[in-house]
């Protein structure tokens, strides 16, 4: 059996330098003041800080698959992969440019010694102003088992939690639609991992009523609809979060898995710990934790807002173990 460490991280505004040559003119104009002072030196510091956390994952072995959001382009992802060279892995990149209004994308890096990419697809979330696409990558393991991983970065709450909720419901419906199509084509027990910064929590309507996620494995196993098991409910019960705001923990970054994985009879399963629980975690890299009763992550920020060179991201990563039989 093989255990795979699969993670997700919103890396907080991993932009290219202020006047990057491959940035479209419309985006350069829009971001010019926001990226004032975002020099090569600042970018390199940001990459180094992110690399520390990624190398720390999986008992200092790094992830087998890592989903990323808030990355601007392929170039910055390549820089990040270069920072991980000491892990001795052969990381490859799956990336898709999306029409997001700030130019930020969803991407994956993966260990090509363990996985190969069998194609990727993007799905537009129909919103009045452009937002991030949902990004699907079809992986194969060395033993040729199919594993589909879907990355999400749903519309933010900046316009207000309830005012913006319909956009996240649209994203959830888009996700569910394509999961149904995947299962129709590849079979009802296809192994699917859904990860993302959903900008909602596990108990919000977008997740439960539209993405069809639940914390009850039996509902996933017995459902006639493509329900997903949400591995992030336990963080809410513990008062933990991947994102902290106004002295409150939110677990916006979540991992969900399909029926085929939950049932455990179709090539993949969820290993359990001594207490019988599934193995998942919020990655609290020690130097990233602010400490005290309000353990929000130490963010990197932007030069225009006096960035912190000792910061990392405004989100913690989340991760889980997947077992291949």
C-alpha atoms as a PDB file:
ATOM      1  CA  UNK A   1       0.000   0.000   0.000  1.00  0.00           C
ATOM      2  CA  UNK A   2       1.052   3.595  -0.635  1.00  0.00           C
ATOM      3  CA  UNK A   3       0.123   6.587   1.484  1.00  0.00           C
ATOM      4  CA  UNK A   4      -0.044   9.936  -0.262  1.00  0.00           C
ATOM      5  CA  UNK A   5       0.172  13.258   1.518  1.00  0.00           C
ATOM      6  CA  UNK A   6      -2.090  15.674  -0.329  1.00  0.00           C
ATOM      7  CA  UNK A   7      -2.344  19.332   0.685  1.00  0.00           C
ATOM      8  CA  UNK A   8      -3.908  22.642  -0.235  1.00  0.00           C
ATOM      9  CA  UNK A   9      -2.684  26.171   0.435  1.00  0.00           C
ATOM     10  CA  UNK A  10      -3.837  29.694  -0.311  1.00  0.00           C
ATOM     11  CA  UNK A  11      -0.389  31.287  -0.513  1.00  0.00           C
ATOM     12  CA  UNK A  12      -1.644  34.898  -0.319  1.00  0.00           C
ATOM     13  CA  UNK A  13      -1.022  37.013  -3.391  1.00  0.00           C
ATOM     14  CA  UNK A  14       1.946  35.258  -4.961  1.00  0.00           C
ATOM     15  CA  UNK A  15       2.369  37.839  -7.706  1.00  0.00           C
ATOM     16  CA  UNK A  16       5.155  38.250 -10.205  1.00  0.00           C
ATOM     17  CA  UNK A  17       7.279  41.414  -9.942  1.00  0.00           C
ATOM     18  CA  UNK A  18       5.651  44.814 -10.382  1.00  0.00           C
ATOM     19  CA  UNK A  19       6.380  45.185 -14.098  1.00  0.00           C
ATOM     20  CA  UNK A  20       6.406  41.548 -15.188  1.00  0.00           C
ATOM     21  CA  UNK A  21       6.832  41.300 -18.968  1.00  0.00           C
ATOM     22  CA  UNK A  22       4.180  38.608 -19.516  1.00  0.00           C
ATOM     23  CA  UNK A  23       1.425  40.380 -17.534  1.00  0.00           C
ATOM     24  CA  UNK A  24      -1.371  41.649 -19.838  1.00  0.00           C
ATOM     25  CA  UNK A  25      -1.580  45.429 -20.149  1.00  0.00           C
ATOM     26  CA  UNK A  26      -5.069  45.616 -18.631  1.00  0.00           C
ATOM     27  CA  UNK A  27      -3.934  43.671 -15.581  1.00  0.00           C
ATOM     28  CA  UNK A  28      -0.705  45.667 -15.233  1.00  0.00           C
ATOM     29  CA  UNK A  29      -2.742  48.848 -15.149  1.00  0.00           C
ATOM     30  CA  UNK A  30      -5.137  47.439 -12.579  1.00  0.00           C
ATOM     31  CA  UNK A  31      -2.437  46.077 -10.266  1.00  0.00           C
ATOM     32  CA  UNK A  32       0.136  48.830 -10.649  1.00  0.00           C
ATOM     33  CA  UNK A  33      -0.548  50.622  -7.358  1.00  0.00           C
ATOM     34  CA  UNK A  34      -1.310  47.376  -5.513  1.00  0.00           C
ATOM     35  CA  UNK A  35       2.086  45.943  -6.464  1.00  0.00           C
ATOM     36  CA  UNK A  36       4.064  49.100  -5.897  1.00  0.00           C
ATOM     37  CA  UNK A  37       7.435  47.935  -4.538  1.00  0.00           C
ATOM     38  CA  UNK A  38       6.928  44.255  -5.426  1.00  0.00           C
ATOM     39  CA  UNK A  39      10.507  43.795  -6.598  1.00  0.00           C
ATOM     40  CA  UNK A  40      12.541  40.720  -7.475  1.00  0.00           C
ATOM     41  CA  UNK A  41      14.053  40.802  -3.993  1.00  0.00           C
ATOM     42  CA  UNK A  42      10.628  40.895  -2.318  1.00  0.00           C
ATOM     43  CA  UNK A  43       9.373  38.069  -4.541  1.00  0.00           C
ATOM     44  CA  UNK A  44      12.400  35.929  -3.671  1.00  0.00           C
ATOM     45  CA  UNK A  45      11.788  36.497   0.048  1.00  0.00           C
ATOM     46  CA  UNK A  46       8.155  35.480  -0.360  1.00  0.00           C
ATOM     47  CA  UNK A  47       9.176  32.310  -2.236  1.00  0.00           C
ATOM     48  CA  UNK A  48      11.726  31.421   0.459  1.00  0.00           C
ATOM     49  CA  UNK A  49       9.135  31.796   3.209  1.00  0.00           C
ATOM     50  CA  UNK A  50       6.569  29.672   1.394  1.00  0.00           C
ATOM     51  CA  UNK A  51       9.223  27.036   0.727  1.00  0.00           C
ATOM     52  CA  UNK A  52       9.921  26.643   4.445  1.00  0.00           C
ATOM     53  CA  UNK A  53       6.322  25.649   5.120  1.00  0.00           C
ATOM     54  CA  UNK A  54       6.026  23.305   2.149  1.00  0.00           C
ATOM     55  CA  UNK A  55       9.263  21.496   3.048  1.00  0.00           C
ATOM     56  CA  UNK A  56       7.947  21.127   6.614  1.00  0.00           C
ATOM     57  CA  UNK A  57       4.862  19.230   5.442  1.00  0.00           C
ATOM     58  CA  UNK A  58       4.683  15.446   5.622  1.00  0.00           C
ATOM     59  CA  UNK A  59       7.334  15.148   8.340  1.00  0.00           C
ATOM     60  CA  UNK A  60       9.784  17.255   6.331  1.00  0.00           C
ATOM     61  CA  UNK A  61       9.309  15.211   3.164  1.00  0.00           C
ATOM     62  CA  UNK A  62       6.994  17.683   1.416  1.00  0.00           C
ATOM     63  CA  UNK A  63       3.602  16.916  -0.143  1.00  0.00           C
ATOM     64  CA  UNK A  64       2.965  14.418  -2.914  1.00  0.00           C
ATOM     65  CA  UNK A  65       0.334  16.735  -4.400  1.00  0.00           C
ATOM     66  CA  UNK A  66      -0.120  20.365  -3.395  1.00  0.00           C
ATOM     67  CA  UNK A  67      -2.983  22.523  -4.596  1.00  0.00           C
ATOM     68  CA  UNK A  68      -2.300  26.259  -4.670  1.00  0.00           C
ATOM     69  CA  UNK A  69      -4.403  29.373  -5.053  1.00  0.00           C
ATOM     70  CA  UNK A  70      -3.588  33.066  -5.321  1.00  0.00           C
ATOM     71  CA  UNK A  71      -0.725  32.405  -7.731  1.00  0.00           C
ATOM     72  CA  UNK A  72      -0.431  34.828 -10.637  1.00  0.00           C
ATOM     73  CA  UNK A  73       1.279  32.797 -13.325  1.00  0.00           C
ATOM     74  CA  UNK A  74       3.420  29.818 -14.251  1.00  0.00           C
ATOM     75  CA  UNK A  75       6.653  31.698 -13.608  1.00  0.00           C
ATOM     76  CA  UNK A  76       6.066  32.208  -9.882  1.00  0.00           C
ATOM     77  CA  UNK A  77       5.070  28.556  -9.496  1.00  0.00           C
ATOM     78  CA  UNK A  78       8.311  27.528 -11.202  1.00  0.00           C
ATOM     79  CA  UNK A  79      10.224  29.689  -8.732  1.00  0.00           C
ATOM     80  CA  UNK A  80       8.401  27.980  -5.870  1.00  0.00           C
ATOM     81  CA  UNK A  81       9.197  24.515  -7.245  1.00  0.00           C
ATOM     82  CA  UNK A  82      12.838  25.534  -7.538  1.00  0.00           C
ATOM     83  CA  UNK A  83      12.832  26.471  -3.861  1.00  0.00           C
ATOM     84  CA  UNK A  84      11.816  22.866  -3.044  1.00  0.00           C
ATOM     85  CA  UNK A  85      14.788  21.218  -4.789  1.00  0.00           C
ATOM     86  CA  UNK A  86      16.327  20.019  -1.512  1.00  0.00           C
ATOM     87  CA  UNK A  87      13.395  17.600  -1.059  1.00  0.00           C
ATOM     88  CA  UNK A  88      14.755  15.502  -3.929  1.00  0.00           C
ATOM     89  CA  UNK A  89      11.355  15.237  -5.568  1.00  0.00           C
ATOM     90  CA  UNK A  90      10.602  15.712  -9.244  1.00  0.00           C
ATOM     91  CA  UNK A  91       7.813  18.223  -8.930  1.00  0.00           C
ATOM     92  CA  UNK A  92       5.825  19.075 -12.044  1.00  0.00           C
ATOM     93  CA  UNK A  93       3.189  21.772 -12.461  1.00  0.00           C
ATOM     94  CA  UNK A  94      -0.410  21.785 -13.631  1.00  0.00           C
ATOM     95  CA  UNK A  95      -1.612  25.349 -14.156  1.00  0.00           C
ATOM     96  CA  UNK A  96      -4.329  27.192 -16.050  1.00  0.00           C
ATOM     97  CA  UNK A  97      -4.638  30.940 -16.617  1.00  0.00           C
ATOM     98  CA  UNK A  98      -8.092  32.092 -15.562  1.00  0.00           C
ATOM     99  CA  UNK A  99      -9.993  35.316 -16.324  1.00  0.00           C
ATOM    100  CA  UNK A 100      -9.994  36.436 -12.689  1.00  0.00           C
ATOM    101  CA  UNK A 101     -10.119  40.205 -12.289  1.00  0.00           C
ATOM    102  CA  UNK A 102      -6.898  40.280 -10.224  1.00  0.00           C
ATOM    103  CA  UNK A 103      -5.127  37.723 -12.381  1.00  0.00           C
ATOM    104  CA  UNK A 104      -4.786  35.048  -9.690  1.00  0.00           C
ATOM    105  CA  UNK A 105      -5.097  31.359 -10.508  1.00  0.00           C
ATOM    106  CA  UNK A 106      -5.443  27.854  -9.116  1.00  0.00           C
ATOM    107  CA  UNK A 107      -2.638  25.347  -9.764  1.00  0.00           C
ATOM    108  CA  UNK A 108      -1.121  22.069  -8.593  1.00  0.00           C
ATOM    109  CA  UNK A 109       2.394  20.814  -8.102  1.00  0.00           C
ATOM    110  CA  UNK A 110       2.846  17.057  -7.952  1.00  0.00           C
ATOM    111  CA  UNK A 111       5.621  14.516  -7.559  1.00  0.00           C
ATOM    112  CA  UNK A 112       5.996  12.944 -10.996  1.00  0.00           C
ATOM    113  CA  UNK A 113       7.779   9.960  -9.453  1.00  0.00           C
ATOM    114  CA  UNK A 114       4.379   9.081  -7.948  1.00  0.00           C
ATOM    115  CA  UNK A 115       1.827  10.631 -10.304  1.00  0.00           C
ATOM    116  CA  UNK A 116       1.460  11.483 -13.944  1.00  0.00           C
ATOM    117  CA  UNK A 117      -1.023  13.981 -15.341  1.00  0.00           C
ATOM    118  CA  UNK A 118      -3.604  12.519 -17.704  1.00  0.00           C
ATOM    119  CA  UNK A 119      -5.060  15.885 -18.723  1.00  0.00           C
ATOM    120  CA  UNK A 120      -6.630  18.886 -17.044  1.00  0.00           C
ATOM    121  CA  UNK A 121      -9.785  20.949 -17.470  1.00  0.00           C
ATOM    122  CA  UNK A 122     -11.134  24.275 -16.244  1.00  0.00           C
ATOM    123  CA  UNK A 123     -14.744  25.188 -15.519  1.00  0.00           C
ATOM    124  CA  UNK A 124     -16.008  28.750 -15.571  1.00  0.00           C
ATOM    125  CA  UNK A 125     -18.031  29.983 -12.615  1.00  0.00           C
ATOM    126  CA  UNK A 126     -20.755  32.157 -14.156  1.00  0.00           C
ATOM    127  CA  UNK A 127     -20.425  35.385 -12.221  1.00  0.00           C
ATOM    128  CA  UNK A 128     -21.057  38.954 -13.440  1.00  0.00           C
ATOM    129  CA  UNK A 129     -17.427  39.905 -12.826  1.00  0.00           C
ATOM    130  CA  UNK A 130     -14.766  37.316 -13.619  1.00  0.00           C
ATOM    131  CA  UNK A 131     -13.632  34.976 -10.854  1.00  0.00           C
ATOM    132  CA  UNK A 132     -11.332  31.973 -10.619  1.00  0.00           C
ATOM    133  CA  UNK A 133     -12.183  28.899 -12.673  1.00  0.00           C
ATOM    134  CA  UNK A 134     -12.597  25.520 -11.024  1.00  0.00           C
ATOM    135  CA  UNK A 135      -9.544  23.502 -12.086  1.00  0.00           C
ATOM    136  CA  UNK A 136      -9.530  19.718 -12.526  1.00  0.00           C
ATOM    137  CA  UNK A 137      -6.462  17.519 -13.030  1.00  0.00           C
ATOM    138  CA  UNK A 138      -6.713  13.820 -13.854  1.00  0.00           C
ATOM    139  CA  UNK A 139      -3.817  11.973 -12.242  1.00  0.00           C
ATOM    140  CA  UNK A 140      -2.616   8.401 -12.597  1.00  0.00           C
ATOM    141  CA  UNK A 141      -0.514   6.619 -10.023  1.00  0.00           C
ATOM    142  CA  UNK A 142       2.435   4.455 -10.946  1.00  0.00           C
ATOM    143  CA  UNK A 143       0.087   1.459 -10.814  1.00  0.00           C
ATOM    144  CA  UNK A 144      -2.241   3.265 -13.265  1.00  0.00           C
ATOM    145  CA  UNK A 145      -5.062   4.010 -10.851  1.00  0.00           C
ATOM    146  CA  UNK A 146      -7.102   7.111 -11.665  1.00  0.00           C
ATOM    147  CA  UNK A 147      -7.260   9.951  -9.135  1.00  0.00           C
ATOM    148  CA  UNK A 148      -9.106  13.144 -10.018  1.00  0.00           C
ATOM    149  CA  UNK A 149      -8.242  16.270  -8.031  1.00  0.00           C
ATOM    150  CA  UNK A 150     -10.290  19.455  -8.301  1.00  0.00           C
ATOM    151  CA  UNK A 151      -9.051  22.837  -7.051  1.00  0.00           C
ATOM    152  CA  UNK A 152     -11.382  25.673  -6.052  1.00  0.00           C
ATOM    153  CA  UNK A 153     -11.077  29.308  -5.060  1.00  0.00           C
ATOM    154  CA  UNK A 154     -14.620  30.546  -4.630  1.00  0.00           C
ATOM    155  CA  UNK A 155     -15.729  34.209  -4.596  1.00  0.00           C
ATOM    156  CA  UNK A 156     -14.732  36.116  -1.483  1.00  0.00           C
ATOM    157  CA  UNK A 157     -16.895  37.630   1.239  1.00  0.00           C
ATOM    158  CA  UNK A 158     -15.568  41.146   0.719  1.00  0.00           C
ATOM    159  CA  UNK A 159     -18.973  42.402  -0.436  1.00  0.00           C
ATOM    160  CA  UNK A 160     -20.558  40.949   2.714  1.00  0.00           C
ATOM    161  CA  UNK A 161     -21.132  37.344   3.783  1.00  0.00           C
ATOM    162  CA  UNK A 162     -24.773  37.117   2.737  1.00  0.00           C
ATOM    163  CA  UNK A 163     -24.540  39.569  -0.141  1.00  0.00           C
ATOM    164  CA  UNK A 164     -21.803  37.428  -1.767  1.00  0.00           C
ATOM    165  CA  UNK A 165     -23.245  34.029  -0.823  1.00  0.00           C
ATOM    166  CA  UNK A 166     -25.131  33.552  -4.139  1.00  0.00           C
ATOM    167  CA  UNK A 167     -21.822  33.599  -6.008  1.00  0.00           C
ATOM    168  CA  UNK A 168     -20.441  30.783  -3.859  1.00  0.00           C
ATOM    169  CA  UNK A 169     -23.662  28.844  -4.386  1.00  0.00           C
ATOM    170  CA  UNK A 170     -23.148  29.235  -8.154  1.00  0.00           C
ATOM    171  CA  UNK A 171     -19.596  27.908  -7.739  1.00  0.00           C
ATOM    172  CA  UNK A 172     -20.893  24.979  -5.675  1.00  0.00           C
ATOM    173  CA  UNK A 173     -23.511  24.120  -8.304  1.00  0.00           C
ATOM    174  CA  UNK A 174     -20.835  24.297 -11.004  1.00  0.00           C
ATOM    175  CA  UNK A 175     -18.654  21.906  -8.995  1.00  0.00           C
ATOM    176  CA  UNK A 176     -21.524  19.467  -8.421  1.00  0.00           C
ATOM    177  CA  UNK A 177     -22.519  19.535 -12.080  1.00  0.00           C
ATOM    178  CA  UNK A 178     -19.041  18.541 -13.216  1.00  0.00           C
ATOM    179  CA  UNK A 179     -18.663  15.891 -10.535  1.00  0.00           C
ATOM    180  CA  UNK A 180     -21.852  14.293 -11.848  1.00  0.00           C
ATOM    181  CA  UNK A 181     -20.432  14.343 -15.368  1.00  0.00           C
ATOM    182  CA  UNK A 182     -17.147  12.788 -14.162  1.00  0.00           C
ATOM    183  CA  UNK A 183     -19.001   9.972 -12.409  1.00  0.00           C
ATOM    184  CA  UNK A 184     -21.191   9.352 -15.449  1.00  0.00           C
ATOM    185  CA  UNK A 185     -18.142   9.003 -17.677  1.00  0.00           C
ATOM    186  CA  UNK A 186     -15.660   7.256 -15.383  1.00  0.00           C
ATOM    187  CA  UNK A 187     -17.955   5.343 -13.007  1.00  0.00           C
ATOM    188  CA  UNK A 188     -19.818   6.013  -9.768  1.00  0.00           C
ATOM    189  CA  UNK A 189     -16.906   4.976  -7.539  1.00  0.00           C
ATOM    190  CA  UNK A 190     -14.259   7.140  -9.180  1.00  0.00           C
ATOM    191  CA  UNK A 191     -11.773   8.550  -6.681  1.00  0.00           C
ATOM    192  CA  UNK A 192     -12.223  12.330  -6.533  1.00  0.00           C
ATOM    193  CA  UNK A 193     -10.524  14.772  -4.162  1.00  0.00           C
ATOM    194  CA  UNK A 194     -11.972  18.289  -3.979  1.00  0.00           C
ATOM    195  CA  UNK A 195      -9.812  20.957  -2.326  1.00  0.00           C
ATOM    196  CA  UNK A 196      -9.992  24.679  -2.066  1.00  0.00           C
ATOM    197  CA  UNK A 197     -10.417  28.000  -0.387  1.00  0.00           C
ATOM    198  CA  UNK A 198     -14.203  28.021  -0.461  1.00  0.00           C
ATOM    199  CA  UNK A 199     -14.650  31.283   1.464  1.00  0.00           C
ATOM    200  CA  UNK A 200     -17.399  29.446   3.322  1.00  0.00           C
ATOM    201  CA  UNK A 201     -17.239  26.947   6.155  1.00  0.00           C
ATOM    202  CA  UNK A 202     -18.261  23.306   6.156  1.00  0.00           C
ATOM    203  CA  UNK A 203     -21.713  24.050   7.605  1.00  0.00           C
ATOM    204  CA  UNK A 204     -22.618  26.859   5.169  1.00  0.00           C
ATOM    205  CA  UNK A 205     -25.339  26.286   2.577  1.00  0.00           C
ATOM    206  CA  UNK A 206     -22.980  26.429  -0.376  1.00  0.00           C
ATOM    207  CA  UNK A 207     -21.091  23.441   1.033  1.00  0.00           C
ATOM    208  CA  UNK A 208     -23.942  21.327   2.430  1.00  0.00           C
ATOM    209  CA  UNK A 209     -26.874  22.020   0.101  1.00  0.00           C
ATOM    210  CA  UNK A 210     -25.100  22.690  -3.188  1.00  0.00           C
ATOM    211  CA  UNK A 211     -21.650  21.073  -3.075  1.00  0.00           C
ATOM    212  CA  UNK A 212     -23.447  18.211  -1.273  1.00  0.00           C
ATOM    213  CA  UNK A 213     -20.801  17.724   1.397  1.00  0.00           C
ATOM    214  CA  UNK A 214     -21.359  16.195   4.822  1.00  0.00           C
ATOM    215  CA  UNK A 215     -19.438  15.013   7.869  1.00  0.00           C
ATOM    216  CA  UNK A 216     -21.226  11.637   7.924  1.00  0.00           C
ATOM    217  CA  UNK A 217     -19.493   8.848   5.965  1.00  0.00           C
ATOM    218  CA  UNK A 218     -22.636   6.690   5.923  1.00  0.00           C
ATOM    219  CA  UNK A 219     -24.527   9.395   4.011  1.00  0.00           C
ATOM    220  CA  UNK A 220     -21.806   9.485   1.379  1.00  0.00           C
ATOM    221  CA  UNK A 221     -21.690   5.696   1.067  1.00  0.00           C
ATOM    222  CA  UNK A 222     -25.456   5.273   0.735  1.00  0.00           C
ATOM    223  CA  UNK A 223     -26.426   8.361  -1.231  1.00  0.00           C
ATOM    224  CA  UNK A 224     -27.757   8.119  -4.770  1.00  0.00           C
ATOM    225  CA  UNK A 225     -26.462  11.627  -5.456  1.00  0.00           C
ATOM    226  CA  UNK A 226     -22.736  12.465  -5.640  1.00  0.00           C
ATOM    227  CA  UNK A 227     -22.219  13.473  -2.023  1.00  0.00           C
ATOM    228  CA  UNK A 228     -18.761  14.284  -0.674  1.00  0.00           C
ATOM    229  CA  UNK A 229     -17.261  13.632   2.746  1.00  0.00           C
ATOM    230  CA  UNK A 230     -15.883  16.856   4.214  1.00  0.00           C
ATOM    231  CA  UNK A 231     -12.756  16.109   6.237  1.00  0.00           C
ATOM    232  CA  UNK A 232     -12.684  19.624   7.714  1.00  0.00           C
ATOM    233  CA  UNK A 233     -15.679  19.492  10.049  1.00  0.00           C
ATOM    234  CA  UNK A 234     -13.495  18.443  12.951  1.00  0.00           C
ATOM    235  CA  UNK A 235     -11.599  21.742  12.909  1.00  0.00           C
ATOM    236  CA  UNK A 236     -14.815  23.662  13.519  1.00  0.00           C
ATOM    237  CA  UNK A 237     -15.558  21.403  16.471  1.00  0.00           C
ATOM    238  CA  UNK A 238     -12.092  22.150  17.879  1.00  0.00           C
ATOM    239  CA  UNK A 239     -12.367  25.891  17.321  1.00  0.00           C
ATOM    240  CA  UNK A 240      -9.491  25.790  14.838  1.00  0.00           C
ATOM    241  CA  UNK A 241      -9.279  27.628  11.538  1.00  0.00           C
ATOM    242  CA  UNK A 242      -7.205  27.943   8.401  1.00  0.00           C
ATOM    243  CA  UNK A 243      -7.988  31.668   8.349  1.00  0.00           C
ATOM    244  CA  UNK A 244      -8.498  34.128  11.198  1.00  0.00           C
ATOM    245  CA  UNK A 245     -10.447  37.362  11.074  1.00  0.00           C
ATOM    246  CA  UNK A 246     -11.781  39.710  13.745  1.00  0.00           C
ATOM    247  CA  UNK A 247     -10.543  37.407  16.517  1.00  0.00           C
ATOM    248  CA  UNK A 248     -12.432  34.422  15.114  1.00  0.00           C
ATOM    249  CA  UNK A 249     -11.329  31.193  13.429  1.00  0.00           C
ATOM    250  CA  UNK A 250     -12.728  30.240  10.023  1.00  0.00           C
ATOM    251  CA  UNK A 251     -11.967  27.016   8.189  1.00  0.00           C
ATOM    252  CA  UNK A 252     -12.406  28.262   4.634  1.00  0.00           C
ATOM    253  CA  UNK A 253      -9.767  25.832   3.324  1.00  0.00           C
ATOM    254  CA  UNK A 254     -11.242  22.360   3.132  1.00  0.00           C
ATOM    255  CA  UNK A 255     -10.751  18.906   1.646  1.00  0.00           C
ATOM    256  CA  UNK A 256     -13.632  16.717   0.457  1.00  0.00           C
ATOM    257  CA  UNK A 257     -13.559  13.189  -0.965  1.00  0.00           C
ATOM    258  CA  UNK A 258     -15.922  11.106  -3.059  1.00  0.00           C
ATOM    259  CA  UNK A 259     -17.887   7.950  -2.337  1.00  0.00           C
ATOM    260  CA  UNK A 260     -15.320   5.683  -3.987  1.00  0.00           C
ATOM    261  CA  UNK A 261     -12.659   6.833  -1.525  1.00  0.00           C
ATOM    262  CA  UNK A 262     -14.964   6.659   1.500  1.00  0.00           C
ATOM    263  CA  UNK A 263     -16.101   3.128   0.641  1.00  0.00           C
ATOM    264  CA  UNK A 264     -12.460   2.089   0.311  1.00  0.00           C
ATOM    265  CA  UNK A 265     -13.029  -0.799  -2.094  1.00  0.00           C
ATOM    266  CA  UNK A 266     -11.984   0.817  -5.362  1.00  0.00           C
ATOM    267  CA  UNK A 267      -8.244   1.418  -5.153  1.00  0.00           C
ATOM    268  CA  UNK A 268      -8.171   4.257  -2.637  1.00  0.00           C
ATOM    269  CA  UNK A 269      -9.200   4.639   0.987  1.00  0.00           C
ATOM    270  CA  UNK A 270      -8.786   6.893   4.005  1.00  0.00           C
ATOM    271  CA  UNK A 271      -6.327   5.523   6.591  1.00  0.00           C
ATOM    272  CA  UNK A 272      -7.270   6.077  10.227  1.00  0.00           C
ATOM    273  CA  UNK A 273      -5.383   6.972  13.374  1.00  0.00           C
ATOM    274  CA  UNK A 274      -5.378   5.046  16.656  1.00  0.00           C
ATOM    275  CA  UNK A 275      -8.683   6.645  17.643  1.00  0.00           C
ATOM    276  CA  UNK A 276     -10.306   5.567  14.384  1.00  0.00           C
ATOM    277  CA  UNK A 277     -10.398   9.062  12.860  1.00  0.00           C
ATOM    278  CA  UNK A 278      -9.375   9.982   9.362  1.00  0.00           C
ATOM    279  CA  UNK A 279      -5.905  11.551   9.141  1.00  0.00           C
ATOM    280  CA  UNK A 280      -6.158  15.199   8.182  1.00  0.00           C
ATOM    281  CA  UNK A 281      -4.691  18.384   9.594  1.00  0.00           C
ATOM    282  CA  UNK A 282      -4.306  22.123   9.458  1.00  0.00           C
ATOM    283  CA  UNK A 283      -0.569  22.651   9.020  1.00  0.00           C
ATOM    284  CA  UNK A 284       0.574  24.917  11.840  1.00  0.00           C
ATOM    285  CA  UNK A 285       4.183  25.601  10.873  1.00  0.00           C
ATOM    286  CA  UNK A 286       5.656  26.882  14.173  1.00  0.00           C
ATOM    287  CA  UNK A 287       7.234  30.089  12.831  1.00  0.00           C
ATOM    288  CA  UNK A 288       3.997  30.930  11.043  1.00  0.00           C
ATOM    289  CA  UNK A 289       1.803  30.923  14.168  1.00  0.00           C
ATOM    290  CA  UNK A 290       1.355  34.307  15.826  1.00  0.00           C
ATOM    291  CA  UNK A 291       0.758  32.677  19.234  1.00  0.00           C
ATOM    292  CA  UNK A 292      -1.508  33.584  22.123  1.00  0.00           C
ATOM    293  CA  UNK A 293      -5.266  33.124  22.201  1.00  0.00           C
ATOM    294  CA  UNK A 294      -5.553  34.410  18.630  1.00  0.00           C
ATOM    295  CA  UNK A 295      -3.226  32.174  16.589  1.00  0.00           C
ATOM    296  CA  UNK A 296      -3.716  33.798  13.207  1.00  0.00           C
ATOM    297  CA  UNK A 297      -0.972  33.091  10.662  1.00  0.00           C
ATOM    298  CA  UNK A 298       1.773  35.662  10.245  1.00  0.00           C
ATOM    299  CA  UNK A 299       0.993  37.074   6.820  1.00  0.00           C
ATOM    300  CA  UNK A 300       3.517  38.344   4.318  1.00  0.00           C
ATOM    301  CA  UNK A 301       1.422  41.199   2.998  1.00  0.00           C
ATOM    302  CA  UNK A 302       2.346  43.597   0.223  1.00  0.00           C
ATOM    303  CA  UNK A 303       5.058  46.274   0.016  1.00  0.00           C
ATOM    304  CA  UNK A 304       2.368  48.911  -0.474  1.00  0.00           C
ATOM    305  CA  UNK A 305       1.061  47.911   2.967  1.00  0.00           C
ATOM    306  CA  UNK A 306       4.470  47.479   4.679  1.00  0.00           C
ATOM    307  CA  UNK A 307       5.024  43.772   4.101  1.00  0.00           C
ATOM    308  CA  UNK A 308       6.512  41.520   6.761  1.00  0.00           C
ATOM    309  CA  UNK A 309       9.611  39.695   5.414  1.00  0.00           C
ATOM    310  CA  UNK A 310       9.185  37.143   8.215  1.00  0.00           C
ATOM    311  CA  UNK A 311       5.591  36.449   7.198  1.00  0.00           C
ATOM    312  CA  UNK A 312       4.184  33.661   5.063  1.00  0.00           C
ATOM    313  CA  UNK A 313       0.498  33.781   4.104  1.00  0.00           C
ATOM    314  CA  UNK A 314      -2.799  34.836   5.635  1.00  0.00           C
ATOM    315  CA  UNK A 315      -4.008  31.213   5.389  1.00  0.00           C
ATOM    316  CA  UNK A 316      -2.671  28.006   6.886  1.00  0.00           C
ATOM    317  CA  UNK A 317      -2.373  24.942   4.620  1.00  0.00           C
ATOM    318  CA  UNK A 318      -4.618  21.920   5.093  1.00  0.00           C
ATOM    319  CA  UNK A 319      -3.663  18.319   4.302  1.00  0.00           C
ATOM    320  CA  UNK A 320      -4.782  14.682   4.518  1.00  0.00           C
ATOM    321  CA  UNK A 321      -3.525  11.164   3.911  1.00  0.00           C
ATOM    322  CA  UNK A 322      -4.884   9.066   1.050  1.00  0.00           C
ATOM    323  CA  UNK A 323      -4.104   5.370   0.853  1.00  0.00           C
ATOM    324  CA  UNK A 324      -3.742   3.397  -2.368  1.00  0.00           C
ATOM    325  CA  UNK A 325      -4.396  -0.313  -2.034  1.00  0.00           C
END
